Amino acid sequence: MVTAFKTYVDRREDAYWIADTRISLDSIIYAFRDGVSPEGIVQMFDLLTLEQVYGAIAYYLANQGVIDDYLQAGEALYFDQRNAMLQDNQDLIARLNQSRQVTI
């Protein structure tokens, strides 16, 4: 039996996921951008098939502008949250850094 249409990527909860998995498209695309081969990505995410990885990469390439904007927004959110956490916890970070300097 030949499958006429298959979905490899789902949009759930304002994020992109490999269809029927809990693996984010982000994970696949960052590995792909870092030069990892599709076969290498399958080794990294052994729950995925080679077909799913190629399908995810094809989805990315067909929607590269939208996905790149999505990834950039996620990176900006990460850095905003990281900077806020660092700002809110300056005393704790200072104490941790001080305790690292203490020799036993």
PDB file of N, CA and C in Angstrom:
ATOM      1  N   MET A   1       0.835  -1.175   0.000  1.00  0.00           N
ATOM      2  CA  MET A   1       0.000   0.000   0.000  1.00  0.00           C
ATOM      3  C   MET A   1       0.885   1.245   0.000  1.00  0.00           C
ATOM      4  N   VAL A   2       0.573   2.193  -0.823  1.00  0.00           N
ATOM      5  CA  VAL A   2       1.333   3.422  -0.938  1.00  0.00           C
ATOM      6  C   VAL A   2       0.632   4.517  -0.139  1.00  0.00           C
ATOM      7  N   THR A   3       1.414   5.231   0.661  1.00  0.00           N
ATOM      8  CA  THR A   3       0.865   6.342   1.426  1.00  0.00           C
ATOM      9  C   THR A   3       0.927   7.589   0.562  1.00  0.00           C
ATOM     10  N   ALA A   4      -0.202   8.236   0.354  1.00  0.00           N
ATOM     11  CA  ALA A   4      -0.259   9.412  -0.505  1.00  0.00           C
ATOM     12  C   ALA A   4       0.230  10.668   0.210  1.00  0.00           C
ATOM     13  N   PHE A   5      -0.019  10.756   1.501  1.00  0.00           N
ATOM     14  CA  PHE A   5       0.347  11.948   2.236  1.00  0.00           C
ATOM     15  C   PHE A   5       0.694  11.567   3.665  1.00  0.00           C
ATOM     16  N   LYS A   6       1.811  12.078   4.133  1.00  0.00           N
ATOM     17  CA  LYS A   6       2.228  11.776   5.486  1.00  0.00           C
ATOM     18  C   LYS A   6       2.732  13.060   6.140  1.00  0.00           C
ATOM     19  N   THR A   7       2.358  13.269   7.376  1.00  0.00           N
ATOM     20  CA  THR A   7       2.777  14.441   8.129  1.00  0.00           C
ATOM     21  C   THR A   7       3.958  14.064   9.015  1.00  0.00           C
ATOM     22  N   TYR A   8       5.009  14.862   8.931  1.00  0.00           N
ATOM     23  CA  TYR A   8       6.191  14.596   9.742  1.00  0.00           C
ATOM     24  C   TYR A   8       6.366  15.588  10.885  1.00  0.00           C
ATOM     25  N   VAL A   9       5.693  16.737  10.788  1.00  0.00           N
ATOM     26  CA  VAL A   9       5.829  17.769  11.807  1.00  0.00           C
ATOM     27  C   VAL A   9       4.442  18.246  12.207  1.00  0.00           C
ATOM     28  N   ASP A  10       4.230  18.379  13.523  1.00  0.00           N
ATOM     29  CA  ASP A  10       2.972  18.910  14.074  1.00  0.00           C
ATOM     30  C   ASP A  10       3.269  20.224  14.787  1.00  0.00           C
ATOM     31  N   ARG A  11       2.273  21.078  14.810  1.00  0.00           N
ATOM     32  CA  ARG A  11       2.360  22.303  15.634  1.00  0.00           C
ATOM     33  C   ARG A  11       1.458  22.082  16.829  1.00  0.00           C
ATOM     34  N   ARG A  12       2.058  22.016  18.020  1.00  0.00           N
ATOM     35  CA  ARG A  12       1.315  21.822  19.261  1.00  0.00           C
ATOM     36  C   ARG A  12       1.788  22.830  20.288  1.00  0.00           C
ATOM     37  N   GLU A  13       0.836  23.438  20.993  1.00  0.00           N
ATOM     38  CA  GLU A  13       1.171  24.349  22.093  1.00  0.00           C
ATOM     39  C   GLU A  13       2.206  25.387  21.672  1.00  0.00           C
ATOM     40  N   ASP A  14       2.003  25.992  20.522  1.00  0.00           N
ATOM     41  CA  ASP A  14       2.892  27.035  19.998  1.00  0.00           C
ATOM     42  C   ASP A  14       4.324  26.567  19.776  1.00  0.00           C
ATOM     43  N   ALA A  15       4.500  25.285  19.505  1.00  0.00           N
ATOM     44  CA  ALA A  15       5.824  24.741  19.219  1.00  0.00           C
ATOM     45  C   ALA A  15       5.696  23.692  18.118  1.00  0.00           C
ATOM     46  N   TYR A  16       6.810  23.384  17.501  1.00  0.00           N
ATOM     47  CA  TYR A  16       6.845  22.373  16.446  1.00  0.00           C
ATOM     48  C   TYR A  16       7.441  21.086  16.996  1.00  0.00           C
ATOM     49  N   TRP A  17       6.806  19.970  16.664  1.00  0.00           N
ATOM     50  CA  TRP A  17       7.212  18.653  17.159  1.00  0.00           C
ATOM     51  C   TRP A  17       7.247  17.667  16.010  1.00  0.00           C
ATOM     52  N   ILE A  18       8.105  16.665  16.125  1.00  0.00           N
ATOM     53  CA  ILE A  18       8.070  15.570  15.171  1.00  0.00           C
ATOM     54  C   ILE A  18       6.762  14.832  15.426  1.00  0.00           C
ATOM     55  N   ALA A  19       5.997  14.589  14.372  1.00  0.00           N
ATOM     56  CA  ALA A  19       4.655  14.014  14.502  1.00  0.00           C
ATOM     57  C   ALA A  19       4.679  12.741  15.342  1.00  0.00           C
ATOM     58  N   ASP A  20       3.714  12.655  16.238  1.00  0.00           N
ATOM     59  CA  ASP A  20       3.511  11.476  17.099  1.00  0.00           C
ATOM     60  C   ASP A  20       4.683  11.204  18.040  1.00  0.00           C
ATOM     61  N   THR A  21       5.468  12.236  18.351  1.00  0.00           N
ATOM     62  CA  THR A  21       6.577  12.067  19.302  1.00  0.00           C
ATOM     63  C   THR A  21       6.588  13.256  20.265  1.00  0.00           C
ATOM     64  N   ARG A  22       7.495  13.187  21.217  1.00  0.00           N
ATOM     65  CA  ARG A  22       7.727  14.305  22.133  1.00  0.00           C
ATOM     66  C   ARG A  22       9.065  14.966  21.821  1.00  0.00           C
ATOM     67  N   ILE A  23       9.563  14.752  20.616  1.00  0.00           N
ATOM     68  CA  ILE A  23      10.843  15.315  20.183  1.00  0.00           C
ATOM     69  C   ILE A  23      10.562  16.590  19.394  1.00  0.00           C
ATOM     70  N   SER A  24      11.211  17.673  19.800  1.00  0.00           N
ATOM     71  CA  SER A  24      10.961  18.953  19.144  1.00  0.00           C
ATOM     72  C   SER A  24      11.670  19.031  17.791  1.00  0.00           C
ATOM     73  N   LEU A  25      11.048  19.772  16.893  1.00  0.00           N
ATOM     74  CA  LEU A  25      11.687  20.049  15.610  1.00  0.00           C
ATOM     75  C   LEU A  25      12.983  20.824  15.842  1.00  0.00           C
ATOM     76  N   ASP A  26      12.986  21.672  16.857  1.00  0.00           N
ATOM     77  CA  ASP A  26      14.177  22.464  17.196  1.00  0.00           C
ATOM     78  C   ASP A  26      15.402  21.557  17.320  1.00  0.00           C
ATOM     79  N   SER A  27      15.253  20.453  18.034  1.00  0.00           N
ATOM     80  CA  SER A  27      16.366  19.543  18.279  1.00  0.00           C
ATOM     81  C   SER A  27      16.944  19.010  16.979  1.00  0.00           C
ATOM     82  N   ILE A  28      16.068  18.665  16.071  1.00  0.00           N
ATOM     83  CA  ILE A  28      16.504  18.114  14.786  1.00  0.00           C
ATOM     84  C   ILE A  28      17.197  19.197  13.972  1.00  0.00           C
ATOM     85  N   ILE A  29      16.606  20.377  13.921  1.00  0.00           N
ATOM     86  CA  ILE A  29      17.139  21.443  13.078  1.00  0.00           C
ATOM     87  C   ILE A  29      18.479  21.952  13.614  1.00  0.00           C
ATOM     88  N   TYR A  30      18.621  22.094  14.928  1.00  0.00           N
ATOM     89  CA  TYR A  30      19.914  22.524  15.461  1.00  0.00           C
ATOM     90  C   TYR A  30      21.007  21.503  15.126  1.00  0.00           C
ATOM     91  N   ALA A  31      20.704  20.234  15.217  1.00  0.00           N
ATOM     92  CA  ALA A  31      21.681  19.202  14.852  1.00  0.00           C
ATOM     93  C   ALA A  31      22.001  19.280  13.362  1.00  0.00           C
ATOM     94  N   PHE A  32      20.972  19.436  12.537  1.00  0.00           N
ATOM     95  CA  PHE A  32      21.154  19.549  11.095  1.00  0.00           C
ATOM     96  C   PHE A  32      22.026  20.760  10.755  1.00  0.00           C
ATOM     97  N   ARG A  33      21.757  21.892  11.390  1.00  0.00           N
ATOM     98  CA  ARG A  33      22.555  23.109  11.161  1.00  0.00           C
ATOM     99  C   ARG A  33      24.002  22.934  11.600  1.00  0.00           C
ATOM    100  N   ASP A  34      24.212  22.096  12.627  1.00  0.00           N
ATOM    101  CA  ASP A  34      25.567  21.833  13.113  1.00  0.00           C
ATOM    102  C   ASP A  34      26.311  20.830  12.245  1.00  0.00           C
ATOM    103  N   GLY A  35      25.673  20.365  11.177  1.00  0.00           N
ATOM    104  CA  GLY A  35      26.337  19.465  10.241  1.00  0.00           C
ATOM    105  C   GLY A  35      26.170  17.990  10.533  1.00  0.00           C
ATOM    106  N   VAL A  36      25.310  17.646  11.478  1.00  0.00           N
ATOM    107  CA  VAL A  36      25.062  16.233  11.772  1.00  0.00           C
ATOM    108  C   VAL A  36      24.240  15.650  10.624  1.00  0.00           C
ATOM    109  N   SER A  37      24.637  14.501  10.133  1.00  0.00           N
ATOM    110  CA  SER A  37      23.915  13.847   9.037  1.00  0.00           C
ATOM    111  C   SER A  37      22.576  13.321   9.538  1.00  0.00           C
ATOM    112  N   PRO A  38      21.631  13.088   8.636  1.00  0.00           N
ATOM    113  CA  PRO A  38      20.364  12.483   9.064  1.00  0.00           C
ATOM    114  C   PRO A  38      20.580  11.164   9.818  1.00  0.00           C
ATOM    115  N   GLU A  39      21.543  10.361   9.367  1.00  0.00           N
ATOM    116  CA  GLU A  39      21.840   9.108  10.064  1.00  0.00           C
ATOM    117  C   GLU A  39      22.374   9.376  11.471  1.00  0.00           C
ATOM    118  N   GLY A  40      23.189  10.416  11.614  1.00  0.00           N
ATOM    119  CA  GLY A  40      23.698  10.796  12.921  1.00  0.00           C
ATOM    120  C   GLY A  40      22.594  11.294  13.837  1.00  0.00           C
ATOM    121  N   ILE A  41      21.622  12.012  13.257  1.00  0.00           N
ATOM    122  CA  ILE A  41      20.488  12.492  14.047  1.00  0.00           C
ATOM    123  C   ILE A  41      19.670  11.318  14.556  1.00  0.00           C
ATOM    124  N   VAL A  42      19.495  10.296  13.732  1.00  0.00           N
ATOM    125  CA  VAL A  42      18.773   9.088  14.168  1.00  0.00           C
ATOM    126  C   VAL A  42      19.512   8.440  15.334  1.00  0.00           C
ATOM    127  N   GLN A  43      20.836   8.443  15.307  1.00  0.00           N
ATOM    128  CA  GLN A  43      21.597   7.885  16.418  1.00  0.00           C
ATOM    129  C   GLN A  43      21.422   8.724  17.680  1.00  0.00           C
ATOM    130  N   MET A  44      21.287  10.040  17.519  1.00  0.00           N
ATOM    131  CA  MET A  44      21.084  10.922  18.668  1.00  0.00           C
ATOM    132  C   MET A  44      19.693  10.745  19.271  1.00  0.00           C
ATOM    133  N   PHE A  45      18.712  10.498  18.408  1.00  0.00           N
ATOM    134  CA  PHE A  45      17.314  10.364  18.823  1.00  0.00           C
ATOM    135  C   PHE A  45      16.823   9.004  18.341  1.00  0.00           C
ATOM    136  N   ASP A  46      17.177   7.975  19.082  1.00  0.00           N
ATOM    137  CA  ASP A  46      16.917   6.615  18.620  1.00  0.00           C
ATOM    138  C   ASP A  46      15.438   6.251  18.535  1.00  0.00           C
ATOM    139  N   LEU A  47      14.553   7.134  18.993  1.00  0.00           N
ATOM    140  CA  LEU A  47      13.115   6.899  18.826  1.00  0.00           C
ATOM    141  C   LEU A  47      12.636   7.297  17.433  1.00  0.00           C
ATOM    142  N   LEU A  48      13.466   8.022  16.697  1.00  0.00           N
ATOM    143  CA  LEU A  48      13.085   8.472  15.363  1.00  0.00           C
ATOM    144  C   LEU A  48      13.602   7.521  14.296  1.00  0.00           C
ATOM    145  N   THR A  49      12.859   7.479  13.209  1.00  0.00           N
ATOM    146  CA  THR A  49      13.313   6.724  12.048  1.00  0.00           C
ATOM    147  C   THR A  49      14.018   7.677  11.088  1.00  0.00           C
ATOM    148  N   LEU A  50      14.774   7.115  10.175  1.00  0.00           N
ATOM    149  CA  LEU A  50      15.439   7.928   9.174  1.00  0.00           C
ATOM    150  C   LEU A  50      14.411   8.683   8.334  1.00  0.00           C
ATOM    151  N   GLU A  51      13.296   8.045   8.056  1.00  0.00           N
ATOM    152  CA  GLU A  51      12.211   8.692   7.318  1.00  0.00           C
ATOM    153  C   GLU A  51      11.703   9.928   8.050  1.00  0.00           C
ATOM    154  N   GLN A  52      11.508   9.825   9.358  1.00  0.00           N
ATOM    155  CA  GLN A  52      11.030  10.968  10.139  1.00  0.00           C
ATOM    156  C   GLN A  52      12.033  12.124  10.121  1.00  0.00           C
ATOM    157  N   VAL A  53      13.304  11.792  10.203  1.00  0.00           N
ATOM    158  CA  VAL A  53      14.337  12.835  10.202  1.00  0.00           C
ATOM    159  C   VAL A  53      14.369  13.527   8.847  1.00  0.00           C
ATOM    160  N   TYR A  54      14.366  12.764   7.770  1.00  0.00           N
ATOM    161  CA  TYR A  54      14.338  13.386   6.444  1.00  0.00           C
ATOM    162  C   TYR A  54      13.056  14.198   6.251  1.00  0.00           C
ATOM    163  N   GLY A  55      11.939  13.696   6.760  1.00  0.00           N
ATOM    164  CA  GLY A  55      10.684  14.439   6.662  1.00  0.00           C
ATOM    165  C   GLY A  55      10.753  15.755   7.417  1.00  0.00           C
ATOM    166  N   ALA A  56      11.366  15.742   8.605  1.00  0.00           N
ATOM    167  CA  ALA A  56      11.509  16.961   9.399  1.00  0.00           C
ATOM    168  C   ALA A  56      12.431  17.959   8.705  1.00  0.00           C
ATOM    169  N   ILE A  57      13.516  17.463   8.135  1.00  0.00           N
ATOM    170  CA  ILE A  57      14.445  18.346   7.420  1.00  0.00           C
ATOM    171  C   ILE A  57      13.766  18.934   6.188  1.00  0.00           C
ATOM    172  N   ALA A  58      13.012  18.115   5.463  1.00  0.00           N
ATOM    173  CA  ALA A  58      12.283  18.609   4.287  1.00  0.00           C
ATOM    174  C   ALA A  58      11.266  19.674   4.698  1.00  0.00           C
ATOM    175  N   TYR A  59      10.581  19.451   5.813  1.00  0.00           N
ATOM    176  CA  TYR A  59       9.629  20.438   6.323  1.00  0.00           C
ATOM    177  C   TYR A  59      10.348  21.748   6.625  1.00  0.00           C
ATOM    178  N   TYR A  60      11.482  21.651   7.287  1.00  0.00           N
ATOM    179  CA  TYR A  60      12.259  22.844   7.605  1.00  0.00           C
ATOM    180  C   TYR A  60      12.672  23.588   6.337  1.00  0.00           C
ATOM    181  N   LEU A  61      13.207  22.864   5.371  1.00  0.00           N
ATOM    182  CA  LEU A  61      13.680  23.507   4.147  1.00  0.00           C
ATOM    183  C   LEU A  61      12.536  24.152   3.367  1.00  0.00           C
ATOM    184  N   ALA A  62      11.356  23.557   3.414  1.00  0.00           N
ATOM    185  CA  ALA A  62      10.189  24.114   2.723  1.00  0.00           C
ATOM    186  C   ALA A  62       9.619  25.331   3.446  1.00  0.00           C
ATOM    187  N   ASN A  63       9.906  25.453   4.746  1.00  0.00           N
ATOM    188  CA  ASN A  63       9.360  26.533   5.574  1.00  0.00           C
ATOM    189  C   ASN A  63      10.469  27.259   6.323  1.00  0.00           C
ATOM    190  N   GLN A  64      11.617  27.362   5.703  1.00  0.00           N
ATOM    191  CA  GLN A  64      12.812  27.826   6.405  1.00  0.00           C
ATOM    192  C   GLN A  64      12.654  29.215   7.021  1.00  0.00           C
ATOM    193  N   GLY A  65      12.053  30.138   6.327  1.00  0.00           N
ATOM    194  CA  GLY A  65      11.885  31.479   6.873  1.00  0.00           C
ATOM    195  C   GLY A  65      11.050  31.481   8.138  1.00  0.00           C
ATOM    196  N   VAL A  66       9.926  30.775   8.102  1.00  0.00           N
ATOM    197  CA  VAL A  66       9.028  30.708   9.259  1.00  0.00           C
ATOM    198  C   VAL A  66       9.714  30.002  10.428  1.00  0.00           C
ATOM    199  N   ILE A  67      10.375  28.894  10.154  1.00  0.00           N
ATOM    200  CA  ILE A  67      11.018  28.131  11.219  1.00  0.00           C
ATOM    201  C   ILE A  67      12.222  28.889  11.776  1.00  0.00           C
ATOM    202  N   ASP A  68      12.995  29.559  10.921  1.00  0.00           N
ATOM    203  CA  ASP A  68      14.114  30.354  11.420  1.00  0.00           C
ATOM    204  C   ASP A  68      13.624  31.481  12.331  1.00  0.00           C
ATOM    205  N   ASP A  69      12.516  32.125  11.968  1.00  0.00           N
ATOM    206  CA  ASP A  69      11.934  33.164  12.828  1.00  0.00           C
ATOM    207  C   ASP A  69      11.488  32.567  14.162  1.00  0.00           C
ATOM    208  N   TYR A  70      10.855  31.396  14.111  1.00  0.00           N
ATOM    209  CA  TYR A  70      10.410  30.696  15.319  1.00  0.00           C
ATOM    210  C   TYR A  70      11.602  30.360  16.222  1.00  0.00           C
ATOM    211  N   LEU A  71      12.681  29.845  15.637  1.00  0.00           N
ATOM    212  CA  LEU A  71      13.868  29.495  16.421  1.00  0.00           C
ATOM    213  C   LEU A  71      14.513  30.741  17.015  1.00  0.00           C
ATOM    214  N   GLN A  72      14.576  31.806  16.240  1.00  0.00           N
ATOM    215  CA  GLN A  72      15.162  33.050  16.729  1.00  0.00           C
ATOM    216  C   GLN A  72      14.344  33.619  17.893  1.00  0.00           C
ATOM    217  N   ALA A  73      13.021  33.549  17.793  1.00  0.00           N
ATOM    218  CA  ALA A  73      12.161  34.019  18.889  1.00  0.00           C
ATOM    219  C   ALA A  73      12.388  33.169  20.139  1.00  0.00           C
ATOM    220  N   GLY A  74      12.546  31.863  19.971  1.00  0.00           N
ATOM    221  CA  GLY A  74      12.819  30.979  21.105  1.00  0.00           C
ATOM    222  C   GLY A  74      14.152  31.280  21.756  1.00  0.00           C
ATOM    223  N   GLU A  75      15.166  31.574  20.945  1.00  0.00           N
ATOM    224  CA  GLU A  75      16.473  31.925  21.482  1.00  0.00           C
ATOM    225  C   GLU A  75      16.400  33.241  22.251  1.00  0.00           C
ATOM    226  N   ALA A  76      15.685  34.225  21.715  1.00  0.00           N
ATOM    227  CA  ALA A  76      15.537  35.516  22.391  1.00  0.00           C
ATOM    228  C   ALA A  76      14.823  35.340  23.733  1.00  0.00           C
ATOM    229  N   LEU A  77      13.778  34.516  23.746  1.00  0.00           N
ATOM    230  CA  LEU A  77      13.054  34.246  24.988  1.00  0.00           C
ATOM    231  C   LEU A  77      13.972  33.579  26.008  1.00  0.00           C
ATOM    232  N   TYR A  78      14.758  32.614  25.563  1.00  0.00           N
ATOM    233  CA  TYR A  78      15.705  31.938  26.457  1.00  0.00           C
ATOM    234  C   TYR A  78      16.662  32.938  27.096  1.00  0.00           C
ATOM    235  N   PHE A  79      17.264  33.811  26.283  1.00  0.00           N
ATOM    236  CA  PHE A  79      18.231  34.766  26.821  1.00  0.00           C
ATOM    237  C   PHE A  79      17.564  35.798  27.723  1.00  0.00           C
ATOM    238  N   ASP A  80      16.351  36.212  27.396  1.00  0.00           N
ATOM    239  CA  ASP A  80      15.619  37.125  28.279  1.00  0.00           C
ATOM    240  C   ASP A  80      15.368  36.475  29.637  1.00  0.00           C
ATOM    241  N   GLN A  81      14.903  35.223  29.626  1.00  0.00           N
ATOM    242  CA  GLN A  81      14.630  34.517  30.877  1.00  0.00           C
ATOM    243  C   GLN A  81      15.910  34.255  31.660  1.00  0.00           C
ATOM    244  N   ARG A  82      16.980  33.910  30.947  1.00  0.00           N
ATOM    245  CA  ARG A  82      18.273  33.671  31.604  1.00  0.00           C
ATOM    246  C   ARG A  82      18.776  34.948  32.267  1.00  0.00           C
ATOM    247  N   ASN A  83      18.713  36.050  31.548  1.00  0.00           N
ATOM    248  CA  ASN A  83      19.179  37.315  32.113  1.00  0.00           C
ATOM    249  C   ASN A  83      18.324  37.741  33.298  1.00  0.00           C
ATOM    250  N   ALA A  84      17.025  37.532  33.226  1.00  0.00           N
ATOM    251  CA  ALA A  84      16.140  37.866  34.350  1.00  0.00           C
ATOM    252  C   ALA A  84      16.479  37.000  35.563  1.00  0.00           C
ATOM    253  N   MET A  85      16.737  35.720  35.335  1.00  0.00           N
ATOM    254  CA  MET A  85      17.099  34.820  36.430  1.00  0.00           C
ATOM    255  C   MET A  85      18.420  35.252  37.064  1.00  0.00           C
ATOM    256  N   LEU A  86      19.384  35.611  36.242  1.00  0.00           N
ATOM    257  CA  LEU A  86      20.667  36.066  36.780  1.00  0.00           C
ATOM    258  C   LEU A  86      20.495  37.353  37.577  1.00  0.00           C
ATOM    259  N   GLN A  87      19.680  38.246  37.077  1.00  0.00           N
ATOM    260  CA  GLN A  87      19.427  39.513  37.773  1.00  0.00           C
ATOM    261  C   GLN A  87      18.717  39.277  39.104  1.00  0.00           C
ATOM    262  N   ASP A  88      17.728  38.400  39.093  1.00  0.00           N
ATOM    263  CA  ASP A  88      16.934  38.139  40.296  1.00  0.00           C
ATOM    264  C   ASP A  88      17.700  37.356  41.367  1.00  0.00           C
ATOM    265  N   ASN A  89      18.770  36.694  40.984  1.00  0.00           N
ATOM    266  CA  ASN A  89      19.488  35.819  41.914  1.00  0.00           C
ATOM    267  C   ASN A  89      20.938  36.226  42.100  1.00  0.00           C
ATOM    268  N   GLN A  90      21.220  37.507  42.032  1.00  0.00           N
ATOM    269  CA  GLN A  90      22.600  37.986  42.149  1.00  0.00           C
ATOM    270  C   GLN A  90      23.247  37.593  43.471  1.00  0.00           C
ATOM    271  N   ASP A  91      22.508  37.696  44.570  1.00  0.00           N
ATOM    272  CA  ASP A  91      23.079  37.344  45.877  1.00  0.00           C
ATOM    273  C   ASP A  91      23.454  35.867  45.936  1.00  0.00           C
ATOM    274  N   LEU A  92      22.558  35.018  45.477  1.00  0.00           N
ATOM    275  CA  LEU A  92      22.821  33.582  45.477  1.00  0.00           C
ATOM    276  C   LEU A  92      24.016  33.252  44.598  1.00  0.00           C
ATOM    277  N   ILE A  93      24.080  33.838  43.425  1.00  0.00           N
ATOM    278  CA  ILE A  93      25.198  33.581  42.509  1.00  0.00           C
ATOM    279  C   ILE A  93      26.511  34.043  43.127  1.00  0.00           C
ATOM    280  N   ALA A  94      26.499  35.198  43.782  1.00  0.00           N
ATOM    281  CA  ALA A  94      27.706  35.699  44.439  1.00  0.00           C
ATOM    282  C   ALA A  94      28.166  34.737  45.537  1.00  0.00           C
ATOM    283  N   ARG A  95      27.221  34.229  46.338  1.00  0.00           N
ATOM    284  CA  ARG A  95      27.584  33.273  47.402  1.00  0.00           C
ATOM    285  C   ARG A  95      28.127  31.976  46.824  1.00  0.00           C
ATOM    286  N   LEU A  96      27.521  31.496  45.733  1.00  0.00           N
ATOM    287  CA  LEU A  96      28.023  30.274  45.104  1.00  0.00           C
ATOM    288  C   LEU A  96      29.425  30.476  44.554  1.00  0.00           C
ATOM    289  N   ASN A  97      29.636  31.604  43.910  1.00  0.00           N
ATOM    290  CA  ASN A  97      30.968  31.889  43.389  1.00  0.00           C
ATOM    291  C   ASN A  97      31.996  32.022  44.510  1.00  0.00           C
ATOM    292  N   GLN A  98      31.577  32.629  45.608  1.00  0.00           N
ATOM    293  CA  GLN A  98      32.471  32.771  46.755  1.00  0.00           C
ATOM    294  C   GLN A  98      32.813  31.400  47.350  1.00  0.00           C
ATOM    295  N   SER A  99      31.813  30.526  47.440  1.00  0.00           N
ATOM    296  CA  SER A  99      32.065  29.198  48.009  1.00  0.00           C
ATOM    297  C   SER A  99      32.973  28.360  47.116  1.00  0.00           C
ATOM    298  N   ARG A 100      32.967  28.609  45.829  1.00  0.00           N
ATOM    299  CA  ARG A 100      33.873  27.887  44.914  1.00  0.00           C
ATOM    300  C   ARG A 100      35.315  28.302  45.122  1.00  0.00           C
ATOM    301  N   GLN A 101      35.515  29.532  45.585  1.00  0.00           N
ATOM    302  CA  GLN A 101      36.859  30.052  45.788  1.00  0.00           C
ATOM    303  C   GLN A 101      37.476  29.587  47.088  1.00  0.00           C
ATOM    304  N   VAL A 102      36.657  29.084  48.004  1.00  0.00           N
ATOM    305  CA  VAL A 102      37.149  28.612  49.299  1.00  0.00           C
ATOM    306  C   VAL A 102      37.843  27.281  49.080  1.00  0.00           C
ATOM    307  N   THR A 103      39.065  27.177  49.548  1.00  0.00           N
ATOM    308  CA  THR A 103      39.790  25.915  49.418  1.00  0.00           C
ATOM    309  C   THR A 103      39.670  25.117  50.700  1.00  0.00           C
ATOM    310  N   ILE A 104      39.666  23.840  50.571  1.00  0.00           N
ATOM    311  CA  ILE A 104      39.534  22.960  51.733  1.00  0.00           C
ATOM    312  C   ILE A 104      40.887  22.421  52.130  1.00  0.00           C
TER     313      ILE A 104
END
